[in-house]
N, C-alpha and C. Protein backbone atom coordinates (compact mmCIF):
# COMPACT_ATOMS: atom_id res chain seq x y z
N MET A 1 -3.27 -4.76 17.26
CA MET A 1 -4.66 -5.10 17.51
C MET A 1 -5.55 -3.91 16.78
N THR A 2 -6.85 -4.47 16.66
CA THR A 2 -7.82 -3.57 16.00
C THR A 2 -8.64 -2.79 16.75
N ASN A 3 -8.88 -1.46 16.23
CA ASN A 3 -9.97 -0.61 16.94
C ASN A 3 -11.50 -0.96 16.90
N ARG A 4 -12.08 -1.53 17.93
CA ARG A 4 -13.51 -2.06 17.55
C ARG A 4 -14.46 -1.03 16.78
N LYS A 5 -14.19 0.34 17.11
CA LYS A 5 -15.12 1.29 16.45
C LYS A 5 -15.00 1.46 15.09
N SER A 6 -13.58 1.57 14.48
CA SER A 6 -13.45 1.87 13.15
C SER A 6 -13.10 0.53 12.41
N LYS A 7 -12.66 -0.41 13.13
CA LYS A 7 -12.12 -1.76 12.39
C LYS A 7 -10.93 -1.55 11.64
N ARG A 8 -10.12 -0.30 12.29
CA ARG A 8 -8.87 -0.12 11.61
C ARG A 8 -7.77 -0.61 12.37
N PRO A 9 -6.36 -0.92 12.14
CA PRO A 9 -5.41 -1.29 12.91
C PRO A 9 -5.27 -0.25 13.84
N ALA A 10 -4.64 -0.56 14.83
CA ALA A 10 -4.54 0.32 16.06
C ALA A 10 -3.01 1.05 15.92
N ASP A 11 -2.16 0.70 15.22
CA ASP A 11 -0.96 1.28 15.18
C ASP A 11 -0.35 1.23 13.58
N ALA A 12 0.63 2.21 13.53
CA ALA A 12 1.35 2.21 11.93
C ALA A 12 1.71 0.72 11.48
N TYR A 13 2.53 0.30 12.54
CA TYR A 13 3.31 -0.88 12.18
C TYR A 13 2.43 -2.07 11.68
N GLU A 14 1.13 -2.16 12.19
CA GLU A 14 0.11 -3.39 12.02
C GLU A 14 -0.44 -2.94 10.80
N ALA A 15 -0.77 -1.62 10.42
CA ALA A 15 -1.42 -1.32 9.20
C ALA A 15 -0.31 -1.54 8.25
N LEU A 16 0.54 -1.27 8.35
CA LEU A 16 1.82 -1.43 7.33
C LEU A 16 2.00 -2.72 6.68
N PHE A 17 1.97 -3.41 8.07
CA PHE A 17 2.25 -5.09 7.73
C PHE A 17 0.91 -5.78 7.39
N ILE A 18 -0.17 -5.50 7.64
CA ILE A 18 -1.48 -5.86 6.82
C ILE A 18 -1.54 -5.36 5.43
N ALA A 19 -1.06 -4.04 5.07
CA ALA A 19 -1.03 -3.90 3.85
C ALA A 19 -0.08 -4.57 2.84
N LEU A 20 0.94 -5.00 3.48
CA LEU A 20 2.02 -5.70 2.66
C LEU A 20 1.95 -7.23 2.87
N ALA A 21 0.82 -7.59 3.71
CA ALA A 21 0.68 -9.14 3.73
C ALA A 21 0.20 -9.76 2.37
N HIS A 22 -0.54 -9.34 1.42
CA HIS A 22 -1.05 -9.87 0.57
C HIS A 22 -0.24 -9.80 -0.66
N PRO A 23 0.02 -10.84 -1.39
CA PRO A 23 0.95 -10.67 -2.69
C PRO A 23 0.31 -9.96 -3.72
N ALA A 24 -0.60 -9.93 -4.04
CA ALA A 24 -1.34 -8.74 -5.12
C ALA A 24 -0.87 -7.29 -4.63
N ARG A 25 -1.19 -6.84 -3.23
CA ARG A 25 -0.83 -5.73 -2.68
C ARG A 25 0.68 -5.48 -2.91
N ARG A 26 1.85 -6.41 -2.60
CA ARG A 26 3.14 -6.40 -2.63
C ARG A 26 3.24 -6.12 -4.21
N ARG A 27 2.71 -6.69 -5.05
CA ARG A 27 2.77 -6.67 -6.56
C ARG A 27 2.51 -5.24 -6.75
N ILE A 28 1.42 -4.80 -6.52
CA ILE A 28 1.30 -3.16 -6.77
C ILE A 28 2.03 -2.12 -6.26
N VAL A 29 3.02 -2.49 -5.01
CA VAL A 29 3.83 -1.62 -4.57
C VAL A 29 5.03 -1.57 -5.47
N HIS A 30 5.39 -2.87 -5.81
CA HIS A 30 6.55 -3.29 -6.52
C HIS A 30 6.54 -2.42 -7.92
N THR A 31 4.92 -2.65 -8.51
CA THR A 31 4.95 -2.04 -9.88
C THR A 31 4.95 -0.40 -9.91
N LEU A 32 4.64 0.09 -8.83
CA LEU A 32 4.57 1.36 -8.71
C LEU A 32 6.01 2.03 -8.60
N PHE A 33 6.55 1.31 -7.80
CA PHE A 33 8.17 1.68 -7.58
C PHE A 33 8.86 1.57 -8.94
N PHE A 34 8.67 0.54 -9.58
CA PHE A 34 9.27 0.53 -10.84
C PHE A 34 8.76 1.58 -12.09
N LYS A 35 7.39 1.92 -11.96
CA LYS A 35 7.10 2.83 -12.69
C LYS A 35 7.20 4.20 -12.27
N GLY A 36 8.06 4.47 -11.48
CA GLY A 36 8.41 5.91 -11.21
C GLY A 36 7.58 6.47 -9.90
N GLY A 37 6.85 5.51 -9.31
CA GLY A 37 6.30 5.97 -8.00
C GLY A 37 4.74 6.46 -7.92
N ALA A 38 4.39 6.50 -9.41
CA ALA A 38 2.87 6.92 -9.62
C ALA A 38 2.41 6.04 -11.11
N MET A 39 1.04 5.80 -10.47
CA MET A 39 0.31 5.18 -11.65
C MET A 39 -1.22 5.81 -11.58
N THR A 40 -1.89 5.70 -12.54
CA THR A 40 -3.51 5.71 -12.80
C THR A 40 -4.14 4.52 -12.01
N ALA A 41 -5.30 4.47 -11.46
CA ALA A 41 -6.06 3.24 -11.26
C ALA A 41 -6.12 2.64 -11.98
N GLY A 42 -6.54 2.58 -13.33
CA GLY A 42 -6.62 2.07 -14.50
C GLY A 42 -5.48 1.35 -14.96
N GLU A 43 -4.24 1.95 -15.00
CA GLU A 43 -2.90 1.43 -15.27
C GLU A 43 -2.68 0.42 -14.30
N ILE A 44 -3.18 0.51 -12.71
CA ILE A 44 -2.63 -0.82 -11.78
C ILE A 44 -3.69 -1.75 -12.30
N ALA A 45 -4.98 -1.42 -12.54
CA ALA A 45 -5.99 -2.51 -13.03
C ALA A 45 -5.54 -3.55 -13.79
N HIS A 46 -4.80 -2.88 -14.74
CA HIS A 46 -4.42 -3.71 -16.08
C HIS A 46 -3.41 -4.74 -15.77
N ILE A 47 -2.55 -4.63 -14.43
CA ILE A 47 -1.54 -5.68 -14.19
C ILE A 47 -2.24 -6.75 -13.64
N PHE A 48 -3.44 -6.80 -13.52
CA PHE A 48 -3.99 -7.94 -12.94
C PHE A 48 -5.25 -8.58 -13.74
N ASP A 49 -5.59 -9.80 -13.62
CA ASP A 49 -6.65 -10.37 -14.07
C ASP A 49 -8.01 -10.44 -13.37
N HIS A 50 -7.84 -9.98 -12.03
CA HIS A 50 -9.27 -10.07 -11.37
C HIS A 50 -10.09 -8.99 -11.63
N ALA A 51 -11.24 -8.92 -10.96
CA ALA A 51 -12.17 -7.79 -11.09
C ALA A 51 -11.76 -6.56 -10.50
N TRP A 52 -12.29 -5.35 -11.35
CA TRP A 52 -11.96 -4.08 -10.73
C TRP A 52 -12.21 -4.06 -9.10
N PRO A 53 -13.44 -4.35 -8.71
CA PRO A 53 -13.58 -4.46 -7.31
C PRO A 53 -12.47 -5.02 -6.12
N THR A 54 -11.95 -5.89 -6.82
CA THR A 54 -10.74 -6.52 -5.97
C THR A 54 -9.60 -5.63 -6.04
N THR A 55 -9.42 -4.91 -6.77
CA THR A 55 -8.24 -4.06 -7.16
C THR A 55 -8.32 -3.01 -6.23
N THR A 56 -9.77 -2.34 -6.40
CA THR A 56 -10.19 -1.11 -5.64
C THR A 56 -10.05 -1.58 -4.10
N ARG A 57 -10.09 -2.68 -3.77
CA ARG A 57 -9.98 -3.12 -2.36
C ARG A 57 -8.62 -3.13 -1.91
N HIS A 58 -7.77 -3.53 -2.82
CA HIS A 58 -6.27 -3.76 -2.67
C HIS A 58 -5.80 -2.29 -1.97
N LEU A 59 -6.16 -1.59 -3.27
CA LEU A 59 -5.53 0.04 -3.19
C LEU A 59 -6.25 0.63 -1.87
N GLN A 60 -7.39 0.38 -1.55
CA GLN A 60 -8.16 0.96 0.06
C GLN A 60 -7.20 0.30 1.16
N VAL A 61 -6.99 -0.83 1.26
CA VAL A 61 -5.98 -1.34 2.22
C VAL A 61 -4.54 -0.93 2.34
N LEU A 62 -3.95 -0.62 0.94
CA LEU A 62 -2.60 0.02 0.78
C LEU A 62 -2.62 1.27 1.34
N GLU A 63 -3.75 2.04 1.02
CA GLU A 63 -4.04 3.74 1.79
C GLU A 63 -4.12 3.49 2.80
N ALA A 64 -5.03 2.45 3.76
CA ALA A 64 -5.10 2.36 5.02
C ALA A 64 -3.74 2.47 5.53
N GLY A 65 -2.96 1.68 4.92
CA GLY A 65 -1.53 1.45 5.72
C GLY A 65 -0.61 2.45 5.29
N GLY A 66 -1.10 3.56 4.47
CA GLY A 66 -0.13 4.49 4.66
C GLY A 66 0.81 4.29 3.32
N ILE A 67 0.92 3.36 2.83
CA ILE A 67 1.80 2.99 1.81
C ILE A 67 1.69 3.84 0.52
N ILE A 68 0.39 3.94 0.10
CA ILE A 68 0.10 4.79 -1.07
C ILE A 68 -0.62 5.94 -0.70
N ARG A 69 -1.07 6.95 -1.69
CA ARG A 69 -1.92 7.95 -1.56
C ARG A 69 -2.54 8.25 -2.97
N HIS A 70 -3.80 8.77 -2.94
CA HIS A 70 -3.90 9.27 -4.32
C HIS A 70 -4.62 10.55 -4.20
N GLU A 71 -4.47 10.91 -5.41
CA GLU A 71 -5.00 12.60 -6.02
C GLU A 71 -5.93 12.28 -7.21
N ARG A 72 -6.99 13.08 -7.21
CA ARG A 72 -8.19 12.96 -8.03
C ARG A 72 -7.75 14.30 -8.55
N LYS A 73 -7.93 14.00 -10.42
CA LYS A 73 -8.20 14.91 -11.37
C LYS A 73 -9.36 14.46 -12.08
N GLY A 74 -10.34 15.08 -11.99
CA GLY A 74 -11.59 14.97 -12.70
C GLY A 74 -12.13 13.45 -12.12
N ARG A 75 -12.09 12.71 -13.04
CA ARG A 75 -12.65 11.17 -12.88
C ARG A 75 -11.41 10.39 -12.84
N ALA A 76 -10.14 10.74 -12.89
CA ALA A 76 -8.86 9.94 -12.95
C ALA A 76 -8.47 9.81 -11.25
N ARG A 77 -7.77 8.96 -11.13
CA ARG A 77 -7.11 8.86 -9.73
C ARG A 77 -5.57 8.27 -9.95
N THR A 78 -4.83 9.20 -9.57
CA THR A 78 -3.32 8.94 -9.50
C THR A 78 -3.07 8.18 -8.24
N TYR A 79 -2.14 7.25 -8.16
CA TYR A 79 -1.47 6.54 -6.86
C TYR A 79 -0.49 6.63 -6.60
N ARG A 80 0.31 7.17 -5.73
CA ARG A 80 1.50 7.29 -5.62
C ARG A 80 2.04 6.51 -4.20
N LEU A 81 3.29 6.23 -4.13
CA LEU A 81 3.96 5.63 -3.23
C LEU A 81 4.16 6.64 -2.08
N ASP A 82 4.15 6.36 -1.06
CA ASP A 82 4.64 6.93 0.21
C ASP A 82 6.09 6.38 1.00
N LYS A 83 7.04 6.69 0.47
CA LYS A 83 8.34 6.09 0.61
C LYS A 83 8.76 6.36 2.02
N LYS A 84 8.20 7.16 2.57
CA LYS A 84 8.38 7.38 4.11
C LYS A 84 7.89 6.51 5.12
N ARG A 85 6.74 6.31 4.65
CA ARG A 85 5.90 5.12 5.38
C ARG A 85 6.43 3.82 5.23
N LEU A 86 7.01 3.59 3.87
CA LEU A 86 7.60 2.09 3.61
C LEU A 86 8.95 2.03 4.85
N ALA A 87 9.43 3.14 4.67
CA ALA A 87 10.57 3.18 5.77
C ALA A 87 10.29 2.77 7.13
N LEU A 88 9.22 2.63 7.36
CA LEU A 88 8.91 2.26 8.86
C LEU A 88 9.14 0.82 8.82
N ALA A 89 8.82 -0.07 7.55
CA ALA A 89 8.93 -1.46 7.58
C ALA A 89 10.52 -1.67 7.35
N ARG A 90 11.06 -1.16 6.73
CA ARG A 90 12.65 -0.95 6.59
C ARG A 90 13.39 -0.77 8.10
N ASP A 91 12.95 -0.15 8.64
CA ASP A 91 13.64 0.45 10.06
C ASP A 91 13.40 -0.63 11.06
N TRP A 92 12.08 -1.15 11.09
CA TRP A 92 11.67 -2.17 11.85
C TRP A 92 12.66 -3.53 11.43
N LEU A 93 12.54 -3.73 10.52
CA LEU A 93 13.27 -5.14 9.81
C LEU A 93 14.72 -4.87 10.15
N ASN A 94 15.54 -3.60 9.92
CA ASN A 94 16.81 -3.31 10.06
C ASN A 94 17.26 -3.69 11.74
N ILE A 95 16.32 -3.84 12.61
CA ILE A 95 16.46 -3.78 14.05
C ILE A 95 17.12 -5.81 14.04
N PHE A 96 17.02 -6.49 13.18
CA PHE A 96 17.27 -7.65 13.37
C PHE A 96 18.57 -8.16 12.62
N PHE A 97 19.10 -7.24 11.84
CA PHE A 97 20.15 -7.20 11.01
C PHE A 97 21.31 -6.16 11.55
N GLU A 98 21.31 -5.54 12.55
CA GLU A 98 22.22 -4.86 13.44
C GLU A 98 22.83 -5.53 14.44
N LYS A 99 24.12 -5.39 14.56
CA LYS A 99 24.85 -5.99 15.57
C LYS A 99 24.48 -5.35 16.83
N PRO A 100 24.24 -6.22 17.82
CA PRO A 100 23.91 -5.92 19.22
C PRO A 100 25.19 -5.09 19.82
């Protein structure tokens, strides 16, 4: 469910799964993981053929979902995976694979 005032998902699971719903965002997460968990915004943008604003929007959705966070150094932004947040998805999915 979405909070009408902020138009942001109301709970952590919803935000997480919304962020993972788009293939481009899953590709960003996958690439970040295999690049050691951190990349600059420019490095992330170079893996796509679409416009910079599209990449920025995907990064914002991933941040809203808590999957990535960024730090600024001057004009550069470095994005990092938050594996603890990704663990929410793993733990939720594990419910379906555990023996009752």
